PDB file of N, CA and C in Angstrom:
ATOM      1  N   MET A   1      -4.358  17.035  24.836  1.00  0.00           N
ATOM      2  CA  MET A   1      -3.063  17.156  24.121  1.00  0.00           C
ATOM      3  C   MET A   1      -2.745  15.658  23.355  1.00  0.00           C
ATOM      4  N   ARG A   2      -3.116  14.676  24.155  1.00  0.00           N
ATOM      5  CA  ARG A   2      -2.805  13.287  23.463  1.00  0.00           C
ATOM      6  C   ARG A   2      -3.714  13.092  22.306  1.00  0.00           C
ATOM      7  N   GLN A   3      -4.882  13.646  22.409  1.00  0.00           N
ATOM      8  CA  GLN A   3      -5.763  13.406  21.156  1.00  0.00           C
ATOM      9  C   GLN A   3      -5.239  14.201  19.969  1.00  0.00           C
ATOM     10  N   ILE A   4      -4.723  15.380  20.167  1.00  0.00           N
ATOM     11  CA  ILE A   4      -4.130  16.190  19.068  1.00  0.00           C
ATOM     12  C   ILE A   4      -2.975  15.426  18.478  1.00  0.00           C
ATOM     13  N   ILE A   5      -2.086  14.866  19.377  1.00  0.00           N
ATOM     14  CA  ILE A   5      -0.876  14.118  18.819  1.00  0.00           C
ATOM     15  C   ILE A   5      -1.312  12.936  18.162  1.00  0.00           C
ATOM     16  N   ARG A   6      -2.349  12.226  18.653  1.00  0.00           N
ATOM     17  CA  ARG A   6      -2.863  10.946  18.034  1.00  0.00           C
ATOM     18  C   ARG A   6      -3.407  11.302  16.638  1.00  0.00           C
ATOM     19  N   ALA A   7      -4.265  12.275  16.649  1.00  0.00           N
ATOM     20  CA  ALA A   7      -4.916  12.822  15.384  1.00  0.00           C
ATOM     21  C   ALA A   7      -3.820  13.125  14.360  1.00  0.00           C
ATOM     22  N   ALA A   8      -2.776  13.894  14.735  1.00  0.00           N
ATOM     23  CA  ALA A   8      -1.655  14.213  13.851  1.00  0.00           C
ATOM     24  C   ALA A   8      -1.010  13.079  13.315  1.00  0.00           C
ATOM     25  N   LEU A   9      -0.748  12.098  14.195  1.00  0.00           N
ATOM     26  CA  LEU A   9       0.004  10.795  13.742  1.00  0.00           C
ATOM     27  C   LEU A   9      -0.788  10.075  12.789  1.00  0.00           C
ATOM     28  N   VAL A  10      -2.183   9.919  13.043  1.00  0.00           N
ATOM     29  CA  VAL A  10      -2.979   9.178  12.150  1.00  0.00           C
ATOM     30  C   VAL A  10      -3.045   9.852  10.866  1.00  0.00           C
ATOM     31  N   ALA A  11      -3.178  11.331  10.816  1.00  0.00           N
ATOM     32  CA  ALA A  11      -3.279  12.016   9.535  1.00  0.00           C
ATOM     33  C   ALA A  11      -1.950  11.820   8.836  1.00  0.00           C
ATOM     34  N   LEU A  12      -0.883  11.832   9.581  1.00  0.00           N
ATOM     35  CA  LEU A  12       0.486  11.642   8.828  1.00  0.00           C
ATOM     36  C   LEU A  12       0.556  10.297   8.209  1.00  0.00           C
ATOM     37  N   ALA A  13       0.239   9.217   9.054  1.00  0.00           N
ATOM     38  CA  ALA A  13       0.227   7.907   8.493  1.00  0.00           C
ATOM     39  C   ALA A  13      -0.685   7.663   7.226  1.00  0.00           C
ATOM     40  N   LEU A  14      -1.767   8.311   7.215  1.00  0.00           N
ATOM     41  CA  LEU A  14      -2.779   8.211   6.059  1.00  0.00           C
ATOM     42  C   LEU A  14      -2.073   8.942   4.844  1.00  0.00           C
ATOM     43  N   ALA A  15      -1.568  10.090   5.082  1.00  0.00           N
ATOM     44  CA  ALA A  15      -0.948  10.925   4.034  1.00  0.00           C
ATOM     45  C   ALA A  15       0.248  10.104   3.449  1.00  0.00           C
ATOM     46  N   LEU A  16       1.009   9.535   4.142  1.00  0.00           N
ATOM     47  CA  LEU A  16       2.033   8.742   3.682  1.00  0.00           C
ATOM     48  C   LEU A  16       1.708   7.366   2.963  1.00  0.00           C
ATOM     49  N   ALA A  17       0.649   6.778   3.430  1.00  0.00           N
ATOM     50  CA  ALA A  17       0.232   5.476   2.873  1.00  0.00           C
ATOM     51  C   ALA A  17      -0.627   5.668   1.548  1.00  0.00           C
ATOM     52  N   ALA A  18      -1.291   6.755   1.488  1.00  0.00           N
ATOM     53  CA  ALA A  18      -2.174   6.898   0.361  1.00  0.00           C
ATOM     54  C   ALA A  18      -1.534   6.937  -1.081  1.00  0.00           C
ATOM     55  N   PRO A  19      -0.432   7.730  -1.149  1.00  0.00           N
ATOM     56  CA  PRO A  19       0.161   7.656  -2.578  1.00  0.00           C
ATOM     57  C   PRO A  19       0.644   6.303  -2.957  1.00  0.00           C
ATOM     58  N   ALA A  20       1.274   5.692  -2.041  1.00  0.00           N
ATOM     59  CA  ALA A  20       1.831   4.278  -2.243  1.00  0.00           C
ATOM     60  C   ALA A  20       0.732   3.345  -2.754  1.00  0.00           C
ATOM     61  N   ALA A  21      -0.454   3.462  -2.082  1.00  0.00           N
ATOM     62  CA  ALA A  21      -1.581   2.543  -2.405  1.00  0.00           C
ATOM     63  C   ALA A  21      -2.169   2.953  -3.814  1.00  0.00           C
ATOM     64  N   THR A  22      -2.154   4.162  -4.217  1.00  0.00           N
ATOM     65  CA  THR A  22      -2.847   4.591  -5.516  1.00  0.00           C
ATOM     66  C   THR A  22      -1.866   4.455  -6.664  1.00  0.00           C
ATOM     67  N   LEU A  23      -0.649   4.413  -6.601  1.00  0.00           N
ATOM     68  CA  LEU A  23       0.263   4.284  -7.736  1.00  0.00           C
ATOM     69  C   LEU A  23       0.388   2.972  -8.164  1.00  0.00           C
ATOM     70  N   ALA A  24       0.200   2.656  -9.548  1.00  0.00           N
ATOM     71  CA  ALA A  24       0.347   1.436 -10.056  1.00  0.00           C
ATOM     72  C   ALA A  24       1.750   1.223 -10.469  1.00  0.00           C
ATOM     73  N   PRO A  25       2.230   0.013 -10.388  1.00  0.00           N
ATOM     74  CA  PRO A  25       3.581  -0.302 -10.917  1.00  0.00           C
ATOM     75  C   PRO A  25       3.732   0.152 -12.251  1.00  0.00           C
ATOM     76  N   PRO A  26       5.062   0.591 -12.704  1.00  0.00           N
ATOM     77  CA  PRO A  26       5.192   1.096 -14.061  1.00  0.00           C
ATOM     78  C   PRO A  26       4.704   0.202 -15.208  1.00  0.00           C
ATOM     79  N   ALA A  27       4.870  -1.163 -14.929  1.00  0.00           N
ATOM     80  CA  ALA A  27       4.354  -2.026 -16.106  1.00  0.00           C
ATOM     81  C   ALA A  27       2.844  -2.004 -16.207  1.00  0.00           C
ATOM     82  N   GLN A  28       2.064  -1.923 -15.002  1.00  0.00           N
ATOM     83  CA  GLN A  28       0.714  -1.883 -15.110  1.00  0.00           C
ATOM     84  C   GLN A  28       0.275  -0.475 -15.632  1.00  0.00           C
ATOM     85  N   ALA A  29       0.930   0.566 -15.243  1.00  0.00           N
ATOM     86  CA  ALA A  29       0.536   1.972 -15.701  1.00  0.00           C
ATOM     87  C   ALA A  29       0.719   2.002 -17.269  1.00  0.00           C
ATOM     88  N   GLU A  30       1.793   1.425 -17.724  1.00  0.00           N
ATOM     89  CA  GLU A  30       2.065   1.366 -19.186  1.00  0.00           C
ATOM     90  C   GLU A  30       1.105   0.505 -19.927  1.00  0.00           C
ATOM     91  N   ALA A  31       0.701  -0.614 -19.263  1.00  0.00           N
ATOM     92  CA  ALA A  31      -0.259  -1.454 -19.992  1.00  0.00           C
ATOM     93  C   ALA A  31      -1.562  -0.869 -20.107  1.00  0.00           C
ATOM     94  N   ALA A  32      -1.949   0.169 -19.124  1.00  0.00           N
ATOM     95  CA  ALA A  32      -3.260   0.762 -19.269  1.00  0.00           C
ATOM     96  C   ALA A  32      -3.269   1.929 -20.414  1.00  0.00           C
ATOM     97  N   LEU A  33      -2.128   2.341 -20.928  1.00  0.00           N
ATOM     98  CA  LEU A  33      -2.098   3.263 -21.902  1.00  0.00           C
ATOM     99  C   LEU A  33      -2.456   2.686 -23.251  1.00  0.00           C
ATOM    100  N   LEU A  34      -3.092   3.458 -24.146  1.00  0.00           N
ATOM    101  CA  LEU A  34      -3.571   3.020 -25.528  1.00  0.00           C
ATOM    102  C   LEU A  34      -2.379   3.299 -26.406  1.00  0.00           C
ATOM    103  N   ASP A  35      -1.920   2.226 -27.108  1.00  0.00           N
ATOM    104  CA  ASP A  35      -0.834   2.333 -28.088  1.00  0.00           C
ATOM    105  C   ASP A  35      -1.332   2.785 -29.462  1.00  0.00           C
ATOM    106  N   ILE A  36      -1.011   4.056 -29.779  1.00  0.00           N
ATOM    107  CA  ILE A  36      -1.512   4.606 -31.036  1.00  0.00           C
ATOM    108  C   ILE A  36      -0.848   3.829 -32.307  1.00  0.00           C
ATOM    109  N   ASN A  37       0.043   2.929 -32.064  1.00  0.00           N
ATOM    110  CA  ASN A  37       0.681   2.230 -33.221  1.00  0.00           C
ATOM    111  C   ASN A  37      -0.044   0.986 -33.487  1.00  0.00           C
ATOM    112  N   SER A  38      -0.884   0.605 -32.517  1.00  0.00           N
ATOM    113  CA  SER A  38      -1.593  -0.701 -32.677  1.00  0.00           C
ATOM    114  C   SER A  38      -3.114  -0.718 -32.263  1.00  0.00           C
ATOM    115  N   ALA A  39      -3.579   0.395 -31.821  1.00  0.00           N
ATOM    116  CA  ALA A  39      -4.992   0.515 -31.326  1.00  0.00           C
ATOM    117  C   ALA A  39      -5.959   0.311 -32.372  1.00  0.00           C
ATOM    118  N   SER A  40      -7.123  -0.195 -32.328  1.00  0.00           N
ATOM    119  CA  SER A  40      -8.094  -0.230 -33.456  1.00  0.00           C
ATOM    120  C   SER A  40      -8.752   1.112 -33.508  1.00  0.00           C
ATOM    121  N   ARG A  41      -9.495   1.371 -34.671  1.00  0.00           N
ATOM    122  CA  ARG A  41     -10.149   2.546 -34.926  1.00  0.00           C
ATOM    123  C   ARG A  41     -11.131   2.848 -33.809  1.00  0.00           C
ATOM    124  N   ASN A  42     -11.893   1.803 -33.349  1.00  0.00           N
ATOM    125  CA  ASN A  42     -12.848   1.980 -32.190  1.00  0.00           C
ATOM    126  C   ASN A  42     -12.141   2.322 -31.065  1.00  0.00           C
ATOM    127  N   GLU A  43     -11.086   1.786 -30.634  1.00  0.00           N
ATOM    128  CA  GLU A  43     -10.317   2.244 -29.283  1.00  0.00           C
ATOM    129  C   GLU A  43      -9.981   3.681 -29.473  1.00  0.00           C
ATOM    130  N   LEU A  44      -9.432   4.109 -30.555  1.00  0.00           N
ATOM    131  CA  LEU A  44      -8.991   5.435 -30.821  1.00  0.00           C
ATOM    132  C   LEU A  44     -10.200   6.382 -30.701  1.00  0.00           C
ATOM    133  N   ASP A  45     -11.250   6.011 -31.332  1.00  0.00           N
ATOM    134  CA  ASP A  45     -12.505   6.838 -31.446  1.00  0.00           C
ATOM    135  C   ASP A  45     -13.049   7.061 -30.053  1.00  0.00           C
ATOM    136  N   ALA A  46     -12.785   6.188 -29.027  1.00  0.00           N
ATOM    137  CA  ALA A  46     -13.278   6.307 -27.688  1.00  0.00           C
ATOM    138  C   ALA A  46     -12.541   7.420 -26.925  1.00  0.00           C
ATOM    139  N   LEU A  47     -11.430   7.799 -27.270  1.00  0.00           N
ATOM    140  CA  LEU A  47     -10.612   8.872 -26.771  1.00  0.00           C
ATOM    141  C   LEU A  47     -11.419  10.160 -26.763  1.00  0.00           C
ATOM    142  N   PRO A  48     -11.329  11.020 -25.872  1.00  0.00           N
ATOM    143  CA  PRO A  48     -11.991  12.347 -25.849  1.00  0.00           C
ATOM    144  C   PRO A  48     -11.393  13.202 -27.047  1.00  0.00           C
ATOM    145  N   GLY A  49     -12.135  13.781 -27.722  1.00  0.00           N
ATOM    146  CA  GLY A  49     -11.791  14.639 -28.884  1.00  0.00           C
ATOM    147  C   GLY A  49     -11.351  13.951 -30.111  1.00  0.00           C
ATOM    148  N   ILE A  50     -11.384  12.653 -30.115  1.00  0.00           N
ATOM    149  CA  ILE A  50     -11.080  11.741 -31.318  1.00  0.00           C
ATOM    150  C   ILE A  50     -12.340  11.193 -31.738  1.00  0.00           C
ATOM    151  N   GLY A  51     -12.705  11.571 -33.017  1.00  0.00           N
ATOM    152  CA  GLY A  51     -13.993  10.928 -33.662  1.00  0.00           C
ATOM    153  C   GLY A  51     -13.460   9.997 -34.771  1.00  0.00           C
ATOM    154  N   PRO A  52     -14.418   9.473 -35.447  1.00  0.00           N
ATOM    155  CA  PRO A  52     -14.070   8.471 -36.551  1.00  0.00           C
ATOM    156  C   PRO A  52     -13.099   9.034 -37.496  1.00  0.00           C
ATOM    157  N   ALA A  53     -13.240  10.311 -37.977  1.00  0.00           N
ATOM    158  CA  ALA A  53     -12.242  10.874 -38.977  1.00  0.00           C
ATOM    159  C   ALA A  53     -10.793  11.029 -38.401  1.00  0.00           C
ATOM    160  N   ARG A  54     -10.727  11.443 -37.118  1.00  0.00           N
ATOM    161  CA  ARG A  54      -9.377  11.468 -36.551  1.00  0.00           C
ATOM    162  C   ARG A  54      -8.787  10.121 -36.333  1.00  0.00           C
ATOM    163  N   ALA A  55      -9.698   9.260 -35.841  1.00  0.00           N
ATOM    164  CA  ALA A  55      -9.162   7.802 -35.617  1.00  0.00           C
ATOM    165  C   ALA A  55      -8.696   7.234 -36.943  1.00  0.00           C
ATOM    166  N   ASP A  56      -9.334   7.449 -38.022  1.00  0.00           N
ATOM    167  CA  ASP A  56      -8.824   6.932 -39.325  1.00  0.00           C
ATOM    168  C   ASP A  56      -7.614   7.619 -39.683  1.00  0.00           C
ATOM    169  N   ALA A  57      -7.410   8.945 -39.501  1.00  0.00           N
ATOM    170  CA  ALA A  57      -6.059   9.580 -39.817  1.00  0.00           C
ATOM    171  C   ALA A  57      -5.070   9.162 -38.976  1.00  0.00           C
ATOM    172  N   ILE A  58      -5.421   8.755 -37.679  1.00  0.00           N
ATOM    173  CA  ILE A  58      -4.287   8.140 -36.832  1.00  0.00           C
ATOM    174  C   ILE A  58      -3.812   6.867 -37.528  1.00  0.00           C
ATOM    175  N   VAL A  59      -4.737   6.001 -37.742  1.00  0.00           N
ATOM    176  CA  VAL A  59      -4.343   4.678 -38.264  1.00  0.00           C
ATOM    177  C   VAL A  59      -3.705   4.788 -39.645  1.00  0.00           C
ATOM    178  N   LYS A  60      -4.083   5.698 -40.420  1.00  0.00           N
ATOM    179  CA  LYS A  60      -3.520   5.857 -41.742  1.00  0.00           C
ATOM    180  C   LYS A  60      -2.096   6.378 -41.864  1.00  0.00           C
ATOM    181  N   ASN A  61      -1.794   7.111 -40.796  1.00  0.00           N
ATOM    182  CA  ASN A  61      -0.466   7.721 -40.744  1.00  0.00           C
ATOM    183  C   ASN A  61       0.595   6.998 -39.833  1.00  0.00           C
ATOM    184  N   ARG A  62       0.290   5.789 -39.482  1.00  0.00           N
ATOM    185  CA  ARG A  62       1.192   4.911 -38.696  1.00  0.00           C
ATOM    186  C   ARG A  62       2.433   4.530 -39.515  1.00  0.00           C
ATOM    187  N   PRO A  63       3.562   4.303 -38.812  1.00  0.00           N
ATOM    188  CA  PRO A  63       3.778   4.161 -37.397  1.00  0.00           C
ATOM    189  C   PRO A  63       4.261   5.580 -36.929  1.00  0.00           C
ATOM    190  N   TYR A  64       4.209   5.674 -35.538  1.00  0.00           N
ATOM    191  CA  TYR A  64       4.689   6.891 -34.856  1.00  0.00           C
ATOM    192  C   TYR A  64       5.836   6.544 -34.090  1.00  0.00           C
ATOM    193  N   ASN A  65       6.823   7.463 -34.010  1.00  0.00           N
ATOM    194  CA  ASN A  65       7.967   7.352 -33.186  1.00  0.00           C
ATOM    195  C   ASN A  65       7.800   7.746 -31.817  1.00  0.00           C
ATOM    196  N   GLY A  66       6.818   8.637 -31.661  1.00  0.00           N
ATOM    197  CA  GLY A  66       6.429   9.131 -30.277  1.00  0.00           C
ATOM    198  C   GLY A  66       5.073   9.735 -30.379  1.00  0.00           C
ATOM    199  N   LYS A  67       4.408   9.757 -29.162  1.00  0.00           N
ATOM    200  CA  LYS A  67       2.955  10.117 -29.258  1.00  0.00           C
ATOM    201  C   LYS A  67       2.902  11.575 -29.594  1.00  0.00           C
ATOM    202  N   ASP A  68       3.861  12.411 -29.459  1.00  0.00           N
ATOM    203  CA  ASP A  68       3.843  13.751 -30.022  1.00  0.00           C
ATOM    204  C   ASP A  68       3.894  13.945 -31.465  1.00  0.00           C
ATOM    205  N   ASP A  69       4.123  12.807 -32.142  1.00  0.00           N
ATOM    206  CA  ASP A  69       4.079  12.834 -33.595  1.00  0.00           C
ATOM    207  C   ASP A  69       2.603  13.205 -34.130  1.00  0.00           C
ATOM    208  N   LEU A  70       1.674  12.906 -33.242  1.00  0.00           N
ATOM    209  CA  LEU A  70       0.245  13.224 -33.651  1.00  0.00           C
ATOM    210  C   LEU A  70       0.051  14.735 -33.879  1.00  0.00           C
ATOM    211  N   VAL A  71       0.778  15.436 -33.105  1.00  0.00           N
ATOM    212  CA  VAL A  71       0.747  17.072 -33.282  1.00  0.00           C
ATOM    213  C   VAL A  71       1.701  17.401 -34.369  1.00  0.00           C
ATOM    214  N   ASN A  72       3.023  16.857 -34.217  1.00  0.00           N
ATOM    215  CA  ASN A  72       4.114  17.334 -35.161  1.00  0.00           C
ATOM    216  C   ASN A  72       3.747  17.015 -36.539  1.00  0.00           C
ATOM    217  N   ARG A  73       2.962  15.944 -36.833  1.00  0.00           N
ATOM    218  CA  ARG A  73       2.497  15.659 -38.182  1.00  0.00           C
ATOM    219  C   ARG A  73       1.211  16.245 -38.566  1.00  0.00           C
ATOM    220  N   LYS A  74       0.568  17.072 -37.652  1.00  0.00           N
ATOM    221  CA  LYS A  74      -0.681  17.749 -37.835  1.00  0.00           C
ATOM    222  C   LYS A  74      -1.870  16.756 -38.078  1.00  0.00           C
ATOM    223  N   ILE A  75      -1.809  15.638 -37.343  1.00  0.00           N
ATOM    224  CA  ILE A  75      -2.878  14.553 -37.327  1.00  0.00           C
ATOM    225  C   ILE A  75      -4.024  15.145 -36.499  1.00  0.00           C
ATOM    226  N   ILE A  76      -3.659  15.686 -35.363  1.00  0.00           N
ATOM    227  CA  ILE A  76      -4.580  16.299 -34.391  1.00  0.00           C
ATOM    228  C   ILE A  76      -4.162  17.599 -33.838  1.00  0.00           C
ATOM    229  N   PRO A  77      -5.055  18.522 -33.488  1.00  0.00           N
ATOM    230  CA  PRO A  77      -4.588  19.756 -32.875  1.00  0.00           C
ATOM    231  C   PRO A  77      -4.000  19.662 -31.463  1.00  0.00           C
ATOM    232  N   GLN A  78      -3.223  20.635 -31.079  1.00  0.00           N
ATOM    233  CA  GLN A  78      -2.535  20.545 -29.754  1.00  0.00           C
ATOM    234  C   GLN A  78      -3.657  20.416 -28.645  1.00  0.00           C
ATOM    235  N   ASN A  79      -4.732  21.161 -28.731  1.00  0.00           N
ATOM    236  CA  ASN A  79      -5.716  21.032 -27.569  1.00  0.00           C
ATOM    237  C   ASN A  79      -6.272  19.623 -27.437  1.00  0.00           C
ATOM    238  N   VAL A  80      -6.503  18.918 -28.560  1.00  0.00           N
ATOM    239  CA  VAL A  80      -6.884  17.574 -28.375  1.00  0.00           C
ATOM    240  C   VAL A  80      -5.806  16.641 -27.785  1.00  0.00           C
ATOM    241  N   TYR A  81      -4.574  16.845 -28.276  1.00  0.00           N
ATOM    242  CA  TYR A  81      -3.456  16.096 -27.805  1.00  0.00           C
ATOM    243  C   TYR A  81      -3.283  16.201 -26.199  1.00  0.00           C
ATOM    244  N   ASN A  82      -3.446  17.526 -25.857  1.00  0.00           N
ATOM    245  CA  ASN A  82      -3.336  17.816 -24.398  1.00  0.00           C
ATOM    246  C   ASN A  82      -4.394  17.024 -23.530  1.00  0.00           C
ATOM    247  N   GLY A  83      -5.507  16.739 -24.134  1.00  0.00           N
ATOM    248  CA  GLY A  83      -6.550  15.955 -23.509  1.00  0.00           C
ATOM    249  C   GLY A  83      -6.285  14.570 -23.471  1.00  0.00           C
ATOM    250  N   ILE A  84      -5.479  14.020 -24.279  1.00  0.00           N
ATOM    251  CA  ILE A  84      -5.335  12.561 -24.368  1.00  0.00           C
ATOM    252  C   ILE A  84      -3.744  12.111 -24.177  1.00  0.00           C
ATOM    253  N   LYS A  85      -2.887  13.002 -24.052  1.00  0.00           N
ATOM    254  CA  LYS A  85      -1.535  12.644 -23.950  1.00  0.00           C
ATOM    255  C   LYS A  85      -1.120  11.710 -22.747  1.00  0.00           C
ATOM    256  N   ASP A  86      -1.920  11.758 -21.711  1.00  0.00           N
ATOM    257  CA  ASP A  86      -1.670  10.943 -20.569  1.00  0.00           C
ATOM    258  C   ASP A  86      -2.320   9.492 -20.717  1.00  0.00           C
ATOM    259  N   ARG A  87      -3.072   9.339 -21.698  1.00  0.00           N
ATOM    260  CA  ARG A  87      -3.855   8.074 -21.966  1.00  0.00           C
ATOM    261  C   ARG A  87      -3.191   7.210 -23.023  1.00  0.00           C
ATOM    262  N   ILE A  88      -2.171   7.779 -23.833  1.00  0.00           N
ATOM    263  CA  ILE A  88      -1.700   7.108 -25.008  1.00  0.00           C
ATOM    264  C   ILE A  88      -0.121   6.930 -24.871  1.00  0.00           C
ATOM    265  N   ILE A  89       0.244   6.045 -25.776  1.00  0.00           N
ATOM    266  CA  ILE A  89       1.767   5.713 -25.918  1.00  0.00           C
ATOM    267  C   ILE A  89       1.925   5.264 -27.303  1.00  0.00           C
ATOM    268  N   ALA A  90       3.220   5.449 -27.737  1.00  0.00           N
ATOM    269  CA  ALA A  90       3.530   4.997 -29.131  1.00  0.00           C
ATOM    270  C   ALA A  90       4.679   4.014 -28.951  1.00  0.00           C
ATOM    271  N   ARG A  91       4.387   2.768 -28.766  1.00  0.00           N
ATOM    272  CA  ARG A  91       5.294   1.631 -28.718  1.00  0.00           C
ATOM    273  C   ARG A  91       5.956   1.297 -29.965  1.00  0.00           C
ATOM    274  N   GLN A  92       7.239   1.006 -29.804  1.00  0.00           N
ATOM    275  CA  GLN A  92       7.992   0.685 -31.087  1.00  0.00           C
ATOM    276  C   GLN A  92       8.076  -0.785 -31.323  1.00  0.00           C
ATOM    277  N   LYS A  93       7.950  -1.291 -32.475  1.00  0.00           N
ATOM    278  CA  LYS A  93       8.019  -2.682 -32.743  1.00  0.00           C
ATOM    279  C   LYS A  93       9.578  -3.051 -32.538  1.00  0.00           C
ATOM    280  N   ARG A  94       9.707  -4.282 -32.175  1.00  0.00           N
ATOM    281  CA  ARG A  94      11.086  -4.739 -31.939  1.00  0.00           C
ATOM    282  C   ARG A  94      11.322  -5.866 -32.904  1.00  0.00           C
TER     283      ARG A  94
END
């Protein structure tokens, strides 16, 4: 019985500790995002579904008010956007 309780407590402790260890602070998480308003063509080209032509189109149509402008302005199709939306951001100049 003690072993079952001990195993349950260890599993609970690991479950509670794991998410906190894997989450990056907001500043670090945002820093890891690629800014579509300032990224180079090569950086954009490295995104999945974005080749040289789409990277050029993204650069040519700057600035963006939000990352969803890529779809709203028909720069990239929705399925490509869905594949990169968690990797990009559209920072505004101040």
